[in-house]
């Protein structure tokens, strides 16, 4: 299996999103993403991120998908990525607020591609 699990978070320095390992560093409880640089040490470089933006991610078929991403498929349907019962799944936009969600495994969506996320692109869910 070629899936990879990582995290992403929005950098506090204003330089966008960063992918890597999630960690809380120091007594202040600051939240960081640790990104191993190619050819670098095993410690890598720490980037401070906003804790509320940290999302669990996976790589399927060389595409990064993160919890709360909005995706589309070959049929141009709109889905939201979630992590439920130990698996990355896609929930159709019409079922996001249902208590009993219907979902499918993320890897089961043909032609899946990320078009945004629920924090920056709410309009895509209307």
C-alpha atoms as a PDB file:
ATOM      1  CA  UNK A   1       0.000   0.000   0.000  1.00  0.00           C
ATOM      2  CA  UNK A   2       1.438   3.370  -0.990  1.00  0.00           C
ATOM      3  CA  UNK A   3      -0.750   5.558   1.223  1.00  0.00           C
ATOM      4  CA  UNK A   4       1.044   8.065   3.418  1.00  0.00           C
ATOM      5  CA  UNK A   5      -0.355   9.794   6.508  1.00  0.00           C
ATOM      6  CA  UNK A   6       0.781  13.313   7.397  1.00  0.00           C
ATOM      7  CA  UNK A   7      -0.606  16.602   8.689  1.00  0.00           C
ATOM      8  CA  UNK A   8      -1.008  20.089   7.305  1.00  0.00           C
ATOM      9  CA  UNK A   9      -1.387  23.396   9.081  1.00  0.00           C
ATOM     10  CA  UNK A  10      -1.584  27.087   8.196  1.00  0.00           C
ATOM     11  CA  UNK A  11       1.728  28.754   8.996  1.00  0.00           C
ATOM     12  CA  UNK A  12       1.683  31.696  11.422  1.00  0.00           C
ATOM     13  CA  UNK A  13       4.348  33.480   9.373  1.00  0.00           C
ATOM     14  CA  UNK A  14       1.815  34.013   6.568  1.00  0.00           C
ATOM     15  CA  UNK A  15       3.552  31.723   4.075  1.00  0.00           C
ATOM     16  CA  UNK A  16       0.612  29.379   3.472  1.00  0.00           C
ATOM     17  CA  UNK A  17       0.062  25.720   4.313  1.00  0.00           C
ATOM     18  CA  UNK A  18       2.810  23.297   5.384  1.00  0.00           C
ATOM     19  CA  UNK A  19       2.762  19.479   5.359  1.00  0.00           C
ATOM     20  CA  UNK A  20       4.673  17.247   7.772  1.00  0.00           C
ATOM     21  CA  UNK A  21       4.537  15.686  11.226  1.00  0.00           C
ATOM     22  CA  UNK A  22       2.335  17.274  13.902  1.00  0.00           C
ATOM     23  CA  UNK A  23       3.856  18.160  17.252  1.00  0.00           C
ATOM     24  CA  UNK A  24       3.355  20.368  20.278  1.00  0.00           C
ATOM     25  CA  UNK A  25       6.657  21.803  21.391  1.00  0.00           C
ATOM     26  CA  UNK A  26       7.753  23.363  24.653  1.00  0.00           C
ATOM     27  CA  UNK A  27       5.992  24.260  27.863  1.00  0.00           C
ATOM     28  CA  UNK A  28       3.904  26.926  26.123  1.00  0.00           C
ATOM     29  CA  UNK A  29       2.154  24.216  24.091  1.00  0.00           C
ATOM     30  CA  UNK A  30       2.893  25.900  20.764  1.00  0.00           C
ATOM     31  CA  UNK A  31       1.749  23.908  17.765  1.00  0.00           C
ATOM     32  CA  UNK A  32       4.209  23.054  15.019  1.00  0.00           C
ATOM     33  CA  UNK A  33       4.466  21.056  11.835  1.00  0.00           C
ATOM     34  CA  UNK A  34       7.866  19.361  11.581  1.00  0.00           C
ATOM     35  CA  UNK A  35       8.930  19.096   7.975  1.00  0.00           C
ATOM     36  CA  UNK A  36      11.866  16.880   7.132  1.00  0.00           C
ATOM     37  CA  UNK A  37      13.891  18.613   4.460  1.00  0.00           C
ATOM     38  CA  UNK A  38      15.279  16.437   1.686  1.00  0.00           C
ATOM     39  CA  UNK A  39      18.766  15.363   2.747  1.00  0.00           C
ATOM     40  CA  UNK A  40      18.318  17.016   6.145  1.00  0.00           C
ATOM     41  CA  UNK A  41      18.584  15.684   9.642  1.00  0.00           C
ATOM     42  CA  UNK A  42      16.032  13.442  11.288  1.00  0.00           C
ATOM     43  CA  UNK A  43      14.741  16.442  13.269  1.00  0.00           C
ATOM     44  CA  UNK A  44      13.812  18.603  10.302  1.00  0.00           C
ATOM     45  CA  UNK A  45      12.531  22.153  10.522  1.00  0.00           C
ATOM     46  CA  UNK A  46       9.655  23.291  12.738  1.00  0.00           C
ATOM     47  CA  UNK A  47       7.020  25.716  11.439  1.00  0.00           C
ATOM     48  CA  UNK A  48       4.604  27.272  13.912  1.00  0.00           C
ATOM     49  CA  UNK A  49       0.997  26.847  12.760  1.00  0.00           C
ATOM     50  CA  UNK A  50      -2.457  27.864  13.973  1.00  0.00           C
ATOM     51  CA  UNK A  51      -3.664  24.880  16.053  1.00  0.00           C
ATOM     52  CA  UNK A  52      -7.241  25.100  14.728  1.00  0.00           C
ATOM     53  CA  UNK A  53      -5.985  24.606  11.159  1.00  0.00           C
ATOM     54  CA  UNK A  54      -4.096  21.323  11.726  1.00  0.00           C
ATOM     55  CA  UNK A  55      -5.651  18.551   9.649  1.00  0.00           C
ATOM     56  CA  UNK A  56      -4.887  14.861   9.184  1.00  0.00           C
ATOM     57  CA  UNK A  57      -3.936  14.090   5.590  1.00  0.00           C
ATOM     58  CA  UNK A  58      -3.197  11.150   3.334  1.00  0.00           C
ATOM     59  CA  UNK A  59      -1.708  10.663  -0.086  1.00  0.00           C
ATOM     60  CA  UNK A  60      -3.702   8.438  -2.444  1.00  0.00           C
ATOM     61  CA  UNK A  61      -2.568   7.937  -6.019  1.00  0.00           C
ATOM     62  CA  UNK A  62      -0.007  10.741  -5.596  1.00  0.00           C
ATOM     63  CA  UNK A  63      -2.693  13.268  -4.548  1.00  0.00           C
ATOM     64  CA  UNK A  64      -2.770  14.845  -1.077  1.00  0.00           C
ATOM     65  CA  UNK A  65      -6.173  14.775   0.621  1.00  0.00           C
ATOM     66  CA  UNK A  66      -6.827  16.316   4.048  1.00  0.00           C
ATOM     67  CA  UNK A  67      -9.744  16.253   6.453  1.00  0.00           C
ATOM     68  CA  UNK A  68     -12.107  19.134   5.565  1.00  0.00           C
ATOM     69  CA  UNK A  69     -10.947  19.283   1.929  1.00  0.00           C
ATOM     70  CA  UNK A  70     -13.683  19.799  -0.636  1.00  0.00           C
ATOM     71  CA  UNK A  71     -13.275  17.465  -3.578  1.00  0.00           C
ATOM     72  CA  UNK A  72     -15.024  16.729  -6.836  1.00  0.00           C
ATOM     73  CA  UNK A  73     -15.137  13.605  -8.971  1.00  0.00           C
ATOM     74  CA  UNK A  74     -15.566  12.599 -12.613  1.00  0.00           C
ATOM     75  CA  UNK A  75     -19.318  13.312 -12.298  1.00  0.00           C
ATOM     76  CA  UNK A  76     -18.613  16.784 -10.868  1.00  0.00           C
ATOM     77  CA  UNK A  77     -20.314  15.940  -7.571  1.00  0.00           C
ATOM     78  CA  UNK A  78     -19.072  17.770  -4.471  1.00  0.00           C
ATOM     79  CA  UNK A  79     -17.767  15.820  -1.456  1.00  0.00           C
ATOM     80  CA  UNK A  80     -16.019  16.650   1.842  1.00  0.00           C
ATOM     81  CA  UNK A  81     -13.119  14.551   3.143  1.00  0.00           C
ATOM     82  CA  UNK A  82     -13.504  13.226   6.700  1.00  0.00           C
ATOM     83  CA  UNK A  83     -11.772  10.651   8.874  1.00  0.00           C
ATOM     84  CA  UNK A  84     -14.412   8.320  10.295  1.00  0.00           C
ATOM     85  CA  UNK A  85     -14.053   4.921  11.963  1.00  0.00           C
ATOM     86  CA  UNK A  86     -10.361   4.742  11.126  1.00  0.00           C
ATOM     87  CA  UNK A  87     -10.582   5.551   7.420  1.00  0.00           C
ATOM     88  CA  UNK A  88     -10.498   8.514   5.084  1.00  0.00           C
ATOM     89  CA  UNK A  89     -13.977   8.869   3.598  1.00  0.00           C
ATOM     90  CA  UNK A  90     -15.901  11.270   1.418  1.00  0.00           C
ATOM     91  CA  UNK A  91     -19.288  12.624   2.514  1.00  0.00           C
ATOM     92  CA  UNK A  92     -21.543  14.124  -0.163  1.00  0.00           C
ATOM     93  CA  UNK A  93     -22.187  17.828   0.441  1.00  0.00           C
ATOM     94  CA  UNK A  94     -25.922  17.162   0.882  1.00  0.00           C
ATOM     95  CA  UNK A  95     -25.211  14.897   3.908  1.00  0.00           C
ATOM     96  CA  UNK A  96     -22.660  16.991   5.832  1.00  0.00           C
ATOM     97  CA  UNK A  97     -25.077  18.064   8.575  1.00  0.00           C
ATOM     98  CA  UNK A  98     -26.866  14.724   8.923  1.00  0.00           C
ATOM     99  CA  UNK A  99     -26.371  12.879  12.192  1.00  0.00           C
ATOM    100  CA  UNK A 100     -26.406   9.602  10.275  1.00  0.00           C
ATOM    101  CA  UNK A 101     -23.856  10.324   7.562  1.00  0.00           C
ATOM    102  CA  UNK A 102     -23.650   8.279   4.437  1.00  0.00           C
ATOM    103  CA  UNK A 103     -20.121   8.107   3.129  1.00  0.00           C
ATOM    104  CA  UNK A 104     -17.835   6.160   0.845  1.00  0.00           C
ATOM    105  CA  UNK A 105     -14.154   5.372   1.109  1.00  0.00           C
ATOM    106  CA  UNK A 106     -12.093   8.172  -0.350  1.00  0.00           C
ATOM    107  CA  UNK A 107     -10.164   5.771  -2.563  1.00  0.00           C
ATOM    108  CA  UNK A 108     -13.501   4.705  -4.093  1.00  0.00           C
ATOM    109  CA  UNK A 109     -14.121   8.065  -5.790  1.00  0.00           C
ATOM    110  CA  UNK A 110     -13.067   8.029  -9.433  1.00  0.00           C
ATOM    111  CA  UNK A 111     -11.214  11.114 -10.597  1.00  0.00           C
ATOM    112  CA  UNK A 112     -11.119  12.735  -7.156  1.00  0.00           C
ATOM    113  CA  UNK A 113      -9.404  16.107  -7.016  1.00  0.00           C
ATOM    114  CA  UNK A 114      -9.210  18.799  -4.343  1.00  0.00           C
ATOM    115  CA  UNK A 115     -11.002  22.051  -5.193  1.00  0.00           C
ATOM    116  CA  UNK A 116     -10.823  23.789  -1.799  1.00  0.00           C
ATOM    117  CA  UNK A 117     -11.555  23.315   1.900  1.00  0.00           C
ATOM    118  CA  UNK A 118     -14.481  24.071   4.192  1.00  0.00           C
ATOM    119  CA  UNK A 119     -12.625  26.908   5.940  1.00  0.00           C
ATOM    120  CA  UNK A 120     -11.694  28.973   2.895  1.00  0.00           C
ATOM    121  CA  UNK A 121     -14.306  27.881   0.327  1.00  0.00           C
ATOM    122  CA  UNK A 122     -17.699  27.546   2.087  1.00  0.00           C
ATOM    123  CA  UNK A 123     -19.429  28.754  -1.091  1.00  0.00           C
ATOM    124  CA  UNK A 124     -18.586  25.443  -2.810  1.00  0.00           C
ATOM    125  CA  UNK A 125     -20.952  23.627  -0.428  1.00  0.00           C
ATOM    126  CA  UNK A 126     -24.065  25.605  -1.392  1.00  0.00           C
END
